[in-house]
Amino acid sequence: MEIEGLKETEIIDKAKKQAENLKFSLFLHILIGLGVLLAVFFTSAIMNGIDITPRTLIPPIFVGTLSGFLIWQNKKKMVLLSLNLEKIIERRTMDLKAANKIAEDLLAKSSKKK
């Protein structure tokens, strides 16, 4: 069975690899979000002459962490959808195998009756 040019095993392997990388991906996305927002904050603070204190660092750290987490959540949803696709494919192949087995049994019974 092929879906969009990919075989079942390729889809299953990709889904498993993505699921394994989710935890690392969370920290990576949060770090990227923090890095970008802190870089923008420091650049604007230096250009506008704002004093950098712990109190002024709280909003960009919070927003950076939140944006990284939200981006990761979207990625996690896609991975979970691909894992659900894997389960659907497994169920359908099991259904097809069961249907083939029933058809073979019926053919065997009908050939015995003749």
C-alpha atoms as a PDB file:
ATOM      1  CA  MET A   1       0.000   0.000   0.000  1.00  0.00           C
ATOM      2  CA  GLU A   2       1.407   3.397  -0.975  1.00  0.00           C
ATOM      3  CA  ILE A   3       0.398   6.842   0.201  1.00  0.00           C
ATOM      4  CA  GLU A   4       1.732   9.854  -1.724  1.00  0.00           C
ATOM      5  CA  GLY A   5       4.550   7.772  -3.194  1.00  0.00           C
ATOM      6  CA  LEU A   6       5.740   6.426   0.173  1.00  0.00           C
ATOM      7  CA  LYS A   7       5.557   2.804   1.185  1.00  0.00           C
ATOM      8  CA  GLU A   8       4.123   1.716   4.538  1.00  0.00           C
ATOM      9  CA  THR A   9       7.510   0.870   6.018  1.00  0.00           C
ATOM     10  CA  GLU A  10       8.955   4.249   5.022  1.00  0.00           C
ATOM     11  CA  ILE A  11       6.056   6.069   6.685  1.00  0.00           C
ATOM     12  CA  ILE A  12       6.372   3.975   9.846  1.00  0.00           C
ATOM     13  CA  ASP A  13      10.149   4.497  10.022  1.00  0.00           C
ATOM     14  CA  LYS A  14       9.795   8.258   9.563  1.00  0.00           C
ATOM     15  CA  ALA A  15       7.118   8.466  12.257  1.00  0.00           C
ATOM     16  CA  LYS A  16       9.256   6.512  14.740  1.00  0.00           C
ATOM     17  CA  LYS A  17      12.319   8.680  14.082  1.00  0.00           C
ATOM     18  CA  GLN A  18      10.273  11.844  14.548  1.00  0.00           C
ATOM     19  CA  ALA A  19       8.810  10.541  17.805  1.00  0.00           C
ATOM     20  CA  GLU A  20      12.298   9.801  19.145  1.00  0.00           C
ATOM     21  CA  ASN A  21      13.474  13.308  18.324  1.00  0.00           C
ATOM     22  CA  LEU A  22      10.577  15.114  20.033  1.00  0.00           C
ATOM     23  CA  LYS A  23      12.294  15.688  23.398  1.00  0.00           C
ATOM     24  CA  PHE A  24      15.461  17.039  21.842  1.00  0.00           C
ATOM     25  CA  SER A  25      13.336  19.099  19.513  1.00  0.00           C
ATOM     26  CA  LEU A  26      11.550  20.812  22.428  1.00  0.00           C
ATOM     27  CA  PHE A  27      14.792  22.132  23.906  1.00  0.00           C
ATOM     28  CA  LEU A  28      16.065  23.124  20.487  1.00  0.00           C
ATOM     29  CA  HIS A  29      12.928  25.111  19.660  1.00  0.00           C
ATOM     30  CA  ILE A  30      12.944  26.855  23.046  1.00  0.00           C
ATOM     31  CA  LEU A  31      16.629  27.737  22.630  1.00  0.00           C
ATOM     32  CA  ILE A  32      16.012  29.122  19.151  1.00  0.00           C
ATOM     33  CA  GLY A  33      13.026  31.154  20.374  1.00  0.00           C
ATOM     34  CA  LEU A  34      15.017  32.510  23.309  1.00  0.00           C
ATOM     35  CA  GLY A  35      18.046  33.261  21.174  1.00  0.00           C
ATOM     36  CA  VAL A  36      16.115  35.194  18.565  1.00  0.00           C
ATOM     37  CA  LEU A  37      14.088  37.210  21.061  1.00  0.00           C
ATOM     38  CA  LEU A  38      17.073  38.007  23.271  1.00  0.00           C
ATOM     39  CA  ALA A  39      19.109  39.062  20.234  1.00  0.00           C
ATOM     40  CA  VAL A  40      16.305  41.383  19.136  1.00  0.00           C
ATOM     41  CA  PHE A  41      15.915  42.684  22.694  1.00  0.00           C
ATOM     42  CA  PHE A  42      19.622  43.409  23.175  1.00  0.00           C
ATOM     43  CA  THR A  43      19.871  45.042  19.761  1.00  0.00           C
ATOM     44  CA  SER A  44      16.916  47.328  20.403  1.00  0.00           C
ATOM     45  CA  ALA A  45      18.061  48.028  23.974  1.00  0.00           C
ATOM     46  CA  ILE A  46      21.511  49.066  22.815  1.00  0.00           C
ATOM     47  CA  MET A  47      20.147  51.182  19.957  1.00  0.00           C
ATOM     48  CA  ASN A  48      17.572  52.918  22.168  1.00  0.00           C
ATOM     49  CA  GLY A  49      19.809  53.275  25.216  1.00  0.00           C
ATOM     50  CA  ILE A  50      17.641  51.180  27.553  1.00  0.00           C
ATOM     51  CA  ASP A  51      19.309  49.861  30.701  1.00  0.00           C
ATOM     52  CA  ILE A  52      19.429  46.063  30.704  1.00  0.00           C
ATOM     53  CA  THR A  53      18.304  44.783  34.098  1.00  0.00           C
ATOM     54  CA  PRO A  54      16.837  41.448  35.216  1.00  0.00           C
ATOM     55  CA  ARG A  55      13.417  43.105  35.274  1.00  0.00           C
ATOM     56  CA  THR A  56      13.693  44.093  31.603  1.00  0.00           C
ATOM     57  CA  LEU A  57      14.886  40.592  30.652  1.00  0.00           C
ATOM     58  CA  ILE A  58      11.788  38.792  31.990  1.00  0.00           C
ATOM     59  CA  PRO A  59       9.374  39.601  29.098  1.00  0.00           C
ATOM     60  CA  PRO A  60      11.683  38.501  26.239  1.00  0.00           C
ATOM     61  CA  ILE A  61      12.656  35.334  28.111  1.00  0.00           C
ATOM     62  CA  PHE A  62       9.002  34.511  28.743  1.00  0.00           C
ATOM     63  CA  VAL A  63       7.933  35.254  25.163  1.00  0.00           C
ATOM     64  CA  GLY A  64      10.914  33.372  23.709  1.00  0.00           C
ATOM     65  CA  THR A  65      10.195  30.291  25.793  1.00  0.00           C
ATOM     66  CA  LEU A  66       6.494  30.444  24.972  1.00  0.00           C
ATOM     67  CA  SER A  67       7.051  30.866  21.229  1.00  0.00           C
ATOM     68  CA  GLY A  68       9.540  27.987  21.158  1.00  0.00           C
ATOM     69  CA  PHE A  69       7.098  25.787  23.054  1.00  0.00           C
ATOM     70  CA  LEU A  70       4.203  26.664  20.728  1.00  0.00           C
ATOM     71  CA  ILE A  71       6.268  25.903  17.630  1.00  0.00           C
ATOM     72  CA  TRP A  72       7.240  22.567  19.209  1.00  0.00           C
ATOM     73  CA  GLN A  73       3.576  21.795  19.986  1.00  0.00           C
ATOM     74  CA  ASN A  74       2.708  22.200  16.294  1.00  0.00           C
ATOM     75  CA  LYS A  75       5.541  19.863  15.352  1.00  0.00           C
ATOM     76  CA  LYS A  76       4.389  17.376  18.004  1.00  0.00           C
ATOM     77  CA  LYS A  77       0.870  17.390  16.549  1.00  0.00           C
ATOM     78  CA  MET A  78       2.267  16.556  13.115  1.00  0.00           C
ATOM     79  CA  VAL A  79       4.319  13.681  14.565  1.00  0.00           C
ATOM     80  CA  LEU A  80       1.295  12.317  16.420  1.00  0.00           C
ATOM     81  CA  LEU A  81      -0.761  12.525  13.228  1.00  0.00           C
ATOM     82  CA  SER A  82       1.885  10.536  11.380  1.00  0.00           C
ATOM     83  CA  LEU A  83       1.894   7.948  14.191  1.00  0.00           C
ATOM     84  CA  ASN A  84      -1.895   7.710  13.889  1.00  0.00           C
ATOM     85  CA  LEU A  85      -1.413   7.218  10.160  1.00  0.00           C
ATOM     86  CA  GLU A  86       0.957   4.352  10.992  1.00  0.00           C
ATOM     87  CA  LYS A  87      -1.721   2.718  13.153  1.00  0.00           C
ATOM     88  CA  ILE A  88      -4.352   3.167  10.439  1.00  0.00           C
ATOM     89  CA  ILE A  89      -2.061   1.541   7.884  1.00  0.00           C
ATOM     90  CA  GLU A  90      -1.371  -1.378  10.236  1.00  0.00           C
ATOM     91  CA  ARG A  91      -5.113  -1.862  10.841  1.00  0.00           C
ATOM     92  CA  ARG A  92      -5.910  -1.774   7.139  1.00  0.00           C
ATOM     93  CA  THR A  93      -3.203  -4.291   6.306  1.00  0.00           C
ATOM     94  CA  MET A  94      -4.515  -6.558   9.063  1.00  0.00           C
ATOM     95  CA  ASP A  95      -8.037  -6.155   7.641  1.00  0.00           C
ATOM     96  CA  LEU A  96      -6.777  -6.996   4.151  1.00  0.00           C
ATOM     97  CA  LYS A  97      -4.927 -10.056   5.441  1.00  0.00           C
ATOM     98  CA  ALA A  98      -8.037 -11.208   7.298  1.00  0.00           C
ATOM     99  CA  ALA A  99     -10.178 -10.666   4.196  1.00  0.00           C
ATOM    100  CA  ASN A 100      -7.699 -12.649   2.084  1.00  0.00           C
ATOM    101  CA  LYS A 101      -7.728 -15.470   4.640  1.00  0.00           C
ATOM    102  CA  ILE A 102     -11.548 -15.579   4.629  1.00  0.00           C
ATOM    103  CA  ALA A 103     -11.590 -15.593   0.825  1.00  0.00           C
ATOM    104  CA  GLU A 104      -9.056 -18.435   0.730  1.00  0.00           C
ATOM    105  CA  ASP A 105     -11.109 -20.429   3.253  1.00  0.00           C
ATOM    106  CA  LEU A 106     -14.282 -19.901   1.222  1.00  0.00           C
ATOM    107  CA  LEU A 107     -12.495 -20.946  -1.972  1.00  0.00           C
ATOM    108  CA  ALA A 108     -11.149 -24.046  -0.253  1.00  0.00           C
ATOM    109  CA  LYS A 109     -14.616 -24.962   1.059  1.00  0.00           C
ATOM    110  CA  SER A 110     -16.285 -24.380  -2.304  1.00  0.00           C
ATOM    111  CA  SER A 111     -13.650 -26.443  -4.121  1.00  0.00           C
ATOM    112  CA  LYS A 112     -14.125 -29.292  -1.594  1.00  0.00           C
ATOM    113  CA  LYS A 113     -17.898 -29.280  -2.152  1.00  0.00           C
ATOM    114  CA  LYS A 114     -17.497 -29.678  -5.902  1.00  0.00           C
END
